[in-house]
Protein backbone atom coordinates (compact mmCIF):
# COMPACT_ATOMS: atom_id res chain seq x y z
CA MET A 1 -45.33 24.08 -16.78
CA TRP A 2 -42.17 22.64 -18.24
CA GLN A 3 -42.25 20.60 -21.41
CA CYS A 4 -39.31 18.56 -22.58
CA GLY A 5 -38.78 17.37 -26.11
CA PRO A 6 -36.44 14.66 -27.32
CA THR A 7 -32.99 14.89 -25.77
CA ARG A 8 -30.17 15.65 -28.18
CA SER A 9 -26.46 15.38 -27.68
CA PRO A 10 -24.61 18.69 -27.98
CA ALA A 11 -22.70 19.32 -31.16
CA GLY A 12 -19.50 17.31 -31.47
CA PRO A 13 -17.02 16.33 -32.43
CA TRP A 14 -17.36 13.48 -29.92
CA PRO A 15 -15.28 10.30 -30.13
CA TRP A 16 -18.39 8.12 -29.94
CA SER A 17 -20.39 9.88 -32.67
CA GLY A 18 -20.04 10.51 -36.39
CA SER A 19 -19.94 8.13 -39.31
CA ALA A 20 -16.28 8.86 -39.98
CA VAL A 21 -15.36 7.72 -36.49
CA ARG A 22 -17.48 4.60 -36.84
CA ARG A 23 -15.75 3.73 -40.10
CA ARG A 24 -12.33 4.20 -38.54
CA HIS A 25 -13.18 2.03 -35.54
CA PRO A 26 -15.57 -0.72 -36.70
CA VAL A 27 -16.97 -2.84 -33.87
CA THR A 28 -16.40 -6.45 -34.81
CA ALA A 29 -17.56 -9.49 -32.87
CA GLN A 30 -13.96 -10.15 -31.88
CA ALA A 31 -13.44 -6.59 -30.66
CA LYS A 32 -16.54 -6.56 -28.48
CA ARG A 33 -14.73 -8.34 -25.65
CA ARG A 34 -11.31 -6.93 -24.96
CA GLY A 35 -9.90 -6.52 -21.50
CA LEU A 36 -9.32 -2.93 -20.40
CA VAL A 37 -6.93 -1.42 -17.90
CA ILE A 38 -8.85 1.25 -16.00
CA VAL A 39 -7.35 3.78 -13.58
CA ASN A 40 -9.40 5.85 -11.13
CA THR A 41 -7.16 8.50 -9.58
CA GLY A 42 -7.25 12.07 -8.25
CA ASN A 43 -7.76 13.72 -4.86
CA GLY A 44 -11.55 13.59 -4.90
CA LYS A 45 -13.91 11.02 -3.45
CA GLY A 46 -15.26 8.32 -5.72
CA LYS A 47 -12.34 6.19 -6.86
CA THR A 48 -13.24 3.07 -4.91
CA THR A 49 -16.95 3.83 -5.25
CA ALA A 50 -16.65 3.84 -9.05
CA ALA A 51 -14.69 0.58 -8.96
CA LEU A 52 -17.43 -0.99 -6.84
CA GLY A 53 -19.92 0.11 -9.47
CA ILE A 54 -17.94 -1.79 -12.11
CA LEU A 55 -17.80 -4.81 -9.82
CA MET A 56 -21.58 -4.80 -9.33
CA ARG A 57 -22.32 -4.24 -13.01
CA ALA A 58 -19.97 -7.05 -14.06
CA TRP A 59 -21.40 -9.39 -11.42
CA GLY A 60 -24.87 -8.63 -12.74
CA ARG A 61 -23.65 -9.78 -16.16
CA GLY A 62 -22.55 -13.09 -14.72
CA MET A 63 -18.87 -12.17 -14.87
CA ARG A 64 -16.32 -13.45 -12.38
CA VAL A 65 -15.09 -10.60 -10.22
CA VAL A 66 -12.67 -10.01 -7.36
CA MET A 67 -11.49 -6.89 -5.51
CA LEU A 68 -8.30 -6.71 -3.46
CA GLN A 69 -7.97 -3.74 -1.09
CA TRP A 70 -4.55 -2.39 -0.13
CA VAL A 71 -5.66 0.07 2.56
CA LYS A 72 -8.79 -1.37 4.18
CA HIS A 73 -7.94 -3.38 7.30
CA LYS A 74 -8.01 -7.15 7.07
CA THR A 75 -10.52 -7.36 9.92
CA GLY A 76 -12.78 -4.59 8.61
CA ASN A 77 -16.50 -5.19 8.18
CA TRP A 78 -17.23 -2.35 5.75
CA GLY A 79 -20.46 -1.98 3.84
CA GLU A 80 -18.98 -3.42 0.66
CA ILE A 81 -17.66 -6.45 2.58
CA ARG A 82 -21.12 -7.13 4.00
CA ALA A 83 -22.71 -6.78 0.57
CA ALA A 84 -20.08 -9.01 -1.05
CA LYS A 85 -20.78 -11.82 1.41
CA LYS A 86 -24.48 -11.72 0.53
CA MET A 87 -23.71 -11.60 -3.19
CA GLY A 88 -21.09 -14.33 -3.07
CA VAL A 89 -18.43 -11.95 -4.41
CA GLU A 90 -14.77 -11.89 -3.39
CA ILE A 91 -13.63 -8.65 -1.77
CA ILE A 92 -10.36 -9.19 0.07
CA PRO A 93 -9.07 -6.44 2.41
CA MET A 94 -5.31 -6.86 2.82
CA GLY A 95 -4.16 -3.67 4.55
CA ALA A 96 -3.62 -2.26 8.02
CA GLY A 97 -5.47 1.05 7.77
CA PHE A 98 -4.85 4.38 6.09
CA THR A 99 -1.31 4.03 4.79
CA TRP A 100 -0.99 7.60 3.50
CA ILE A 101 -1.01 8.78 7.14
CA PRO A 102 2.46 8.52 8.79
CA LYS A 103 2.50 5.50 11.07
CA ALA A 104 4.83 3.97 13.61
CA ASN A 105 5.27 0.69 11.78
CA PRO A 106 5.79 1.22 8.03
CA ASP A 107 7.49 -2.18 7.77
CA THR A 108 4.16 -3.85 8.48
CA ASP A 109 2.47 -1.79 5.78
CA ALA A 110 5.20 -2.70 3.30
CA ARG A 111 4.92 -6.40 4.09
CA LEU A 112 1.13 -6.38 3.78
CA ALA A 113 1.36 -4.46 0.49
CA ARG A 114 3.72 -7.06 -0.96
CA GLU A 115 1.48 -9.88 0.24
CA ALA A 116 -1.50 -8.21 -1.41
CA TRP A 117 0.40 -7.89 -4.68
CA THR A 118 1.47 -11.55 -4.59
CA LEU A 119 -2.17 -12.56 -4.31
CA ALA A 120 -3.26 -10.00 -6.92
CA ARG A 121 -0.69 -11.26 -9.44
CA GLU A 122 -1.94 -14.81 -8.88
CA LYS A 123 -5.55 -13.71 -9.44
CA ILE A 124 -4.72 -11.72 -12.58
CA LEU A 125 -2.76 -14.50 -14.26
CA SER A 126 -5.06 -17.34 -13.17
CA ASP A 127 -7.57 -16.83 -16.01
CA ALA A 128 -10.27 -17.44 -13.38
CA TYR A 129 -11.73 -13.91 -13.47
CA ASP A 130 -13.23 -11.41 -15.86
CA VAL A 131 -12.66 -8.35 -13.65
CA VAL A 132 -9.91 -7.82 -11.07
CA ILE A 133 -9.93 -4.62 -9.00
CA LEU A 134 -6.75 -3.43 -7.28
CA ASP A 135 -8.20 -0.92 -4.84
CA GLU A 136 -5.83 1.81 -3.60
CA ILE A 137 -2.77 0.08 -5.00
CA THR A 138 -1.25 3.42 -6.05
CA TYR A 139 -0.11 4.14 -2.49
CA ALA A 140 1.92 0.93 -2.44
CA LEU A 141 3.38 1.83 -5.84
CA ASN A 142 4.32 5.35 -4.80
CA TYR A 143 5.94 4.18 -1.56
CA GLY A 144 7.96 1.61 -3.50
CA TRP A 145 6.41 -1.32 -1.65
CA VAL A 146 5.17 -2.82 -4.92
CA ASP A 147 7.34 -2.59 -8.03
CA LEU A 148 5.64 -0.60 -10.79
CA ASP A 149 7.55 -2.32 -13.60
CA GLU A 150 6.41 -5.70 -12.33
CA VAL A 151 2.80 -4.52 -12.19
CA LEU A 152 2.98 -3.25 -15.77
CA ASP A 153 4.55 -6.52 -16.92
CA VAL A 154 1.75 -8.53 -15.32
CA LEU A 155 -0.85 -6.27 -16.93
CA ARG A 156 0.78 -6.77 -20.33
CA ASN A 157 0.67 -10.53 -19.93
CA ARG A 158 -2.80 -10.86 -18.42
CA PRO A 159 -5.52 -12.89 -20.18
CA HIS A 160 -6.79 -11.02 -23.23
CA ARG A 161 -10.33 -10.47 -21.97
CA LEU A 162 -9.49 -9.59 -18.38
CA HIS A 163 -10.44 -6.11 -17.18
CA VAL A 164 -8.21 -4.70 -14.42
CA VAL A 165 -9.20 -1.62 -12.41
CA LEU A 166 -6.58 0.21 -10.34
CA THR A 167 -7.51 2.97 -7.90
CA GLY A 168 -5.84 5.53 -5.64
CA ARG A 169 -4.38 9.01 -5.59
CA ASP A 170 -1.34 10.07 -7.58
CA ALA A 171 -1.33 7.25 -10.10
CA PRO A 172 2.21 6.98 -11.53
CA GLN A 173 2.58 8.43 -15.02
CA PRO A 174 3.75 5.14 -16.61
CA LEU A 175 0.56 3.50 -15.36
CA ILE A 176 -1.54 6.34 -16.75
CA ASP A 177 0.25 6.02 -20.09
CA PHE A 178 -0.37 2.27 -20.18
CA ALA A 179 -4.05 2.35 -19.21
CA ASP A 180 -6.96 2.33 -21.65
CA LEU A 181 -9.23 4.48 -19.49
CA VAL A 182 -8.12 7.03 -16.88
CA THR A 183 -10.45 9.16 -14.78
CA GLU A 184 -9.30 11.84 -12.35
CA MET A 185 -11.65 12.56 -9.47
CA ARG A 186 -11.20 16.22 -8.47
CA LEU A 187 -12.04 17.49 -5.00
CA ILE A 188 -14.35 20.51 -5.08
CA LYS A 189 -16.17 20.20 -1.76
CA HIS A 190 -15.91 17.62 1.00
CA PRO A 191 -18.21 17.39 4.05
CA TYR A 192 -15.36 16.68 6.48
CA ARG A 193 -12.95 19.29 5.19
CA ASP A 194 -15.54 22.01 4.70
CA GLN A 195 -18.07 21.29 7.46
CA GLY A 196 -16.41 18.89 9.88
CA ILE A 197 -18.97 16.18 9.09
CA PRO A 198 -17.44 12.76 9.82
CA ALA A 199 -17.49 9.82 7.41
CA GLN A 200 -21.01 8.47 6.94
CA PRO A 201 -21.95 4.76 6.90
CA GLY A 202 -23.08 3.68 3.46
CA ILE A 203 -21.32 6.63 1.83
CA GLU A 204 -17.71 6.26 2.99
CA PHE A 205 -17.63 2.76 4.46
C-alpha cells in the first residue's frame, strides 16, 4: 500500500520561490495585468494545442479572445472550429493547407499569408481583445511572406494588457528575443513517424 505525504517542491533555486526573489519582483495591483508575448515553437506536437489551452482558459475568465490560423484551410471544419462556434469564440482559418510542404502555387500561399497578417494587425491594434493568437505564423515569417520587423513593431505598440501568442516551428531569433515567454516543443516520439498511425480526430484536428 502506497502512502503519500504532503507534496514538496524540489530544492531551488527556482524563479518563483524564495523571499529574495519576491522582494526583487513585488506583485503590485498594476503589475497583475500586463500583456505578454508568448511563443510556442519547436519540432514537436503541441504548439497549437497549447495555444488553444490559453484561448479556453482566457475565455473561461470572460476575456475577449481570437485566433487566426495561417496554415489551416479557410474551408476547414476542424475540431477547434466546431468548438469555437458553440462557445461563440472567433477562430479564423486563413490558409490553404500545409505551407511547409512544397506546393505548385506558392503565390497563393503568400497572398493568403499577407491577408491573414493584415487582419491580425487590425485585431491586435483594435483594443477589442485581451488575447490574440497567431497560429503557425512563423512559416509566413520564415518564407518572407510577412515582414518580421513589421510584426515586432505592431507587438511593441499593442495595447498594454493584450496577450499575443505566436506559434510554429523555427521561430525567428528576433521574435524569441522579444517575447516574454518562449517554449520549445521537442519531438521525442510521434505515432505517424514511428508507427505509421495517421492523424487522429480530436488529437490532431
